[in-house]
Amino acid sequence: MSLKELSGNANMKIYGTNGQIIKEIQLGGTSDDTIALTDIAAGCYLVKLTSNGETVTKKVIVR
């Protein structure tokens, strides 16, 4: 997963379909940040990214 248009430090949480936090990552805020999801089982997840007081949630499918 690559992150673009990220300014400042950010917090990323990955949630399973049951609402449990699977992974939490602190990001440095550069557009070169890349997150490896190889340690997460295949399935659907919600990714919540919070930066500078703004939050974005996206659905991610890991294959």
N, C-alpha and C. Protein backbone atom coordinates (compact mmCIF):
# COMPACT_ATOMS: atom_id res chain seq x y z
N MET A 1 0.86 -1.17 0.00
CA MET A 1 0.00 0.00 0.00
C MET A 1 0.90 1.22 0.00
N SER A 2 0.73 2.11 -0.96
CA SER A 2 1.49 3.35 -1.01
C SER A 2 0.60 4.51 -0.60
N LEU A 3 1.20 5.48 0.06
CA LEU A 3 0.44 6.63 0.55
C LEU A 3 0.91 7.89 -0.15
N LYS A 4 -0.01 8.61 -0.73
CA LYS A 4 0.31 9.86 -1.42
C LYS A 4 -0.44 11.00 -0.76
N GLU A 5 0.04 12.22 -0.95
CA GLU A 5 -0.60 13.44 -0.44
C GLU A 5 -0.75 13.42 1.08
N LEU A 6 0.24 12.90 1.77
CA LEU A 6 0.22 12.86 3.22
C LEU A 6 1.14 13.95 3.74
N SER A 7 0.60 14.82 4.58
CA SER A 7 1.42 15.89 5.13
C SER A 7 1.49 15.75 6.64
N GLY A 8 2.69 15.83 7.19
CA GLY A 8 2.86 15.70 8.63
C GLY A 8 2.81 14.25 9.08
N ASN A 9 2.96 14.06 10.37
CA ASN A 9 2.89 12.72 10.92
C ASN A 9 1.47 12.20 10.87
N ALA A 10 1.33 10.90 10.77
CA ALA A 10 0.01 10.29 10.66
C ALA A 10 -0.03 9.00 11.46
N ASN A 11 -1.25 8.61 11.80
CA ASN A 11 -1.49 7.35 12.48
C ASN A 11 -2.39 6.52 11.58
N MET A 12 -2.03 5.26 11.39
CA MET A 12 -2.83 4.38 10.55
C MET A 12 -3.22 3.16 11.36
N LYS A 13 -4.53 2.85 11.36
CA LYS A 13 -5.03 1.68 12.05
C LYS A 13 -5.75 0.80 11.04
N ILE A 14 -5.50 -0.50 11.12
CA ILE A 14 -6.16 -1.46 10.24
C ILE A 14 -7.09 -2.29 11.12
N TYR A 15 -8.37 -2.31 10.73
CA TYR A 15 -9.40 -3.01 11.51
C TYR A 15 -9.90 -4.21 10.73
N GLY A 16 -10.17 -5.31 11.45
CA GLY A 16 -10.83 -6.46 10.86
C GLY A 16 -12.32 -6.20 10.76
N THR A 17 -13.04 -7.10 10.14
CA THR A 17 -14.48 -6.92 9.95
C THR A 17 -15.25 -6.96 11.27
N ASN A 18 -14.61 -7.48 12.32
CA ASN A 18 -15.26 -7.51 13.64
C ASN A 18 -14.98 -6.26 14.46
N GLY A 19 -14.24 -5.29 13.88
CA GLY A 19 -13.94 -4.03 14.55
C GLY A 19 -12.67 -4.05 15.38
N GLN A 20 -12.01 -5.19 15.45
CA GLN A 20 -10.78 -5.31 16.23
C GLN A 20 -9.60 -4.70 15.46
N ILE A 21 -8.74 -3.96 16.18
CA ILE A 21 -7.55 -3.40 15.55
C ILE A 21 -6.57 -4.52 15.26
N ILE A 22 -6.21 -4.67 13.98
CA ILE A 22 -5.27 -5.71 13.55
C ILE A 22 -3.84 -5.19 13.61
N LYS A 23 -3.66 -3.93 13.22
CA LYS A 23 -2.32 -3.35 13.13
C LYS A 23 -2.43 -1.84 13.30
N GLU A 24 -1.46 -1.25 14.01
CA GLU A 24 -1.40 0.21 14.16
C GLU A 24 0.00 0.66 13.80
N ILE A 25 0.09 1.71 12.97
CA ILE A 25 1.37 2.16 12.45
C ILE A 25 1.47 3.68 12.56
N GLN A 26 2.61 4.17 13.02
CA GLN A 26 2.90 5.61 13.01
C GLN A 26 3.69 5.91 11.74
N LEU A 27 3.24 6.88 10.97
CA LEU A 27 3.89 7.22 9.70
C LEU A 27 4.61 8.55 9.83
N GLY A 28 5.71 8.67 9.09
CA GLY A 28 6.53 9.87 9.16
C GLY A 28 6.02 11.04 8.34
N GLY A 29 5.09 10.81 7.44
CA GLY A 29 4.50 11.91 6.70
C GLY A 29 5.15 12.21 5.37
N THR A 30 5.94 11.27 4.85
CA THR A 30 6.50 11.50 3.52
C THR A 30 5.69 10.71 2.51
N SER A 31 5.66 11.17 1.28
CA SER A 31 4.89 10.48 0.24
C SER A 31 5.54 9.16 -0.15
N ASP A 32 6.76 8.89 0.38
CA ASP A 32 7.45 7.65 0.06
C ASP A 32 7.12 6.52 1.04
N ASP A 33 6.28 6.81 2.06
CA ASP A 33 5.93 5.77 3.02
C ASP A 33 5.21 4.64 2.30
N THR A 34 5.68 3.42 2.51
CA THR A 34 5.05 2.23 1.96
C THR A 34 4.80 1.26 3.10
N ILE A 35 3.62 0.71 3.15
CA ILE A 35 3.24 -0.19 4.22
C ILE A 35 3.14 -1.61 3.67
N ALA A 36 3.87 -2.53 4.26
CA ALA A 36 3.80 -3.94 3.86
C ALA A 36 2.66 -4.60 4.62
N LEU A 37 1.78 -5.24 3.89
CA LEU A 37 0.66 -5.94 4.51
C LEU A 37 0.82 -7.45 4.41
N THR A 38 2.06 -7.90 4.25
CA THR A 38 2.32 -9.33 4.06
C THR A 38 2.04 -10.14 5.33
N ASP A 39 2.02 -9.50 6.49
CA ASP A 39 1.77 -10.22 7.74
C ASP A 39 0.29 -10.27 8.11
N ILE A 40 -0.57 -9.81 7.20
CA ILE A 40 -2.02 -9.80 7.44
C ILE A 40 -2.67 -10.85 6.54
N ALA A 41 -3.55 -11.65 7.11
CA ALA A 41 -4.24 -12.70 6.36
C ALA A 41 -5.12 -12.10 5.26
N ALA A 42 -5.35 -12.87 4.21
CA ALA A 42 -6.22 -12.44 3.12
C ALA A 42 -7.61 -12.14 3.66
N GLY A 43 -8.23 -11.08 3.14
CA GLY A 43 -9.57 -10.71 3.56
C GLY A 43 -9.83 -9.23 3.38
N CYS A 44 -10.98 -8.76 3.87
CA CYS A 44 -11.37 -7.35 3.79
C CYS A 44 -11.06 -6.66 5.11
N TYR A 45 -10.56 -5.45 5.02
CA TYR A 45 -10.18 -4.67 6.19
C TYR A 45 -10.57 -3.21 5.99
N LEU A 46 -10.69 -2.48 7.09
CA LEU A 46 -10.87 -1.04 7.04
C LEU A 46 -9.57 -0.40 7.49
N VAL A 47 -9.11 0.59 6.74
CA VAL A 47 -7.91 1.32 7.09
C VAL A 47 -8.32 2.73 7.45
N LYS A 48 -7.96 3.15 8.66
CA LYS A 48 -8.30 4.49 9.15
C LYS A 48 -7.00 5.27 9.28
N LEU A 49 -6.88 6.34 8.53
CA LEU A 49 -5.69 7.17 8.50
C LEU A 49 -6.03 8.54 9.08
N THR A 50 -5.30 8.94 10.13
CA THR A 50 -5.53 10.23 10.77
C THR A 50 -4.27 11.07 10.67
N SER A 51 -4.42 12.29 10.15
CA SER A 51 -3.29 13.20 9.98
C SER A 51 -3.79 14.63 10.09
N ASN A 52 -3.11 15.44 10.88
CA ASN A 52 -3.46 16.86 11.04
C ASN A 52 -4.94 17.06 11.39
N GLY A 53 -5.48 16.21 12.26
CA GLY A 53 -6.86 16.37 12.69
C GLY A 53 -7.91 15.88 11.72
N GLU A 54 -7.50 15.35 10.58
CA GLU A 54 -8.42 14.83 9.58
C GLU A 54 -8.31 13.31 9.54
N THR A 55 -9.44 12.66 9.32
CA THR A 55 -9.47 11.20 9.28
C THR A 55 -10.11 10.73 7.98
N VAL A 56 -9.48 9.72 7.37
CA VAL A 56 -10.00 9.08 6.16
C VAL A 56 -10.07 7.59 6.44
N THR A 57 -11.19 6.96 6.07
CA THR A 57 -11.34 5.52 6.23
C THR A 57 -11.61 4.91 4.86
N LYS A 58 -10.85 3.86 4.54
CA LYS A 58 -10.99 3.18 3.25
C LYS A 58 -11.07 1.68 3.46
N LYS A 59 -11.77 1.01 2.56
CA LYS A 59 -11.81 -0.45 2.58
C LYS A 59 -10.63 -0.96 1.77
N VAL A 60 -9.96 -1.99 2.31
CA VAL A 60 -8.81 -2.59 1.63
C VAL A 60 -9.03 -4.09 1.56
N ILE A 61 -8.74 -4.69 0.42
CA ILE A 61 -8.81 -6.13 0.27
C ILE A 61 -7.39 -6.65 0.13
N VAL A 62 -7.02 -7.56 1.03
CA VAL A 62 -5.70 -8.19 0.99
C VAL A 62 -5.88 -9.56 0.35
N ARG A 63 -5.07 -9.83 -0.67
CA ARG A 63 -5.18 -11.12 -1.39
C ARG A 63 -4.01 -12.00 -1.09
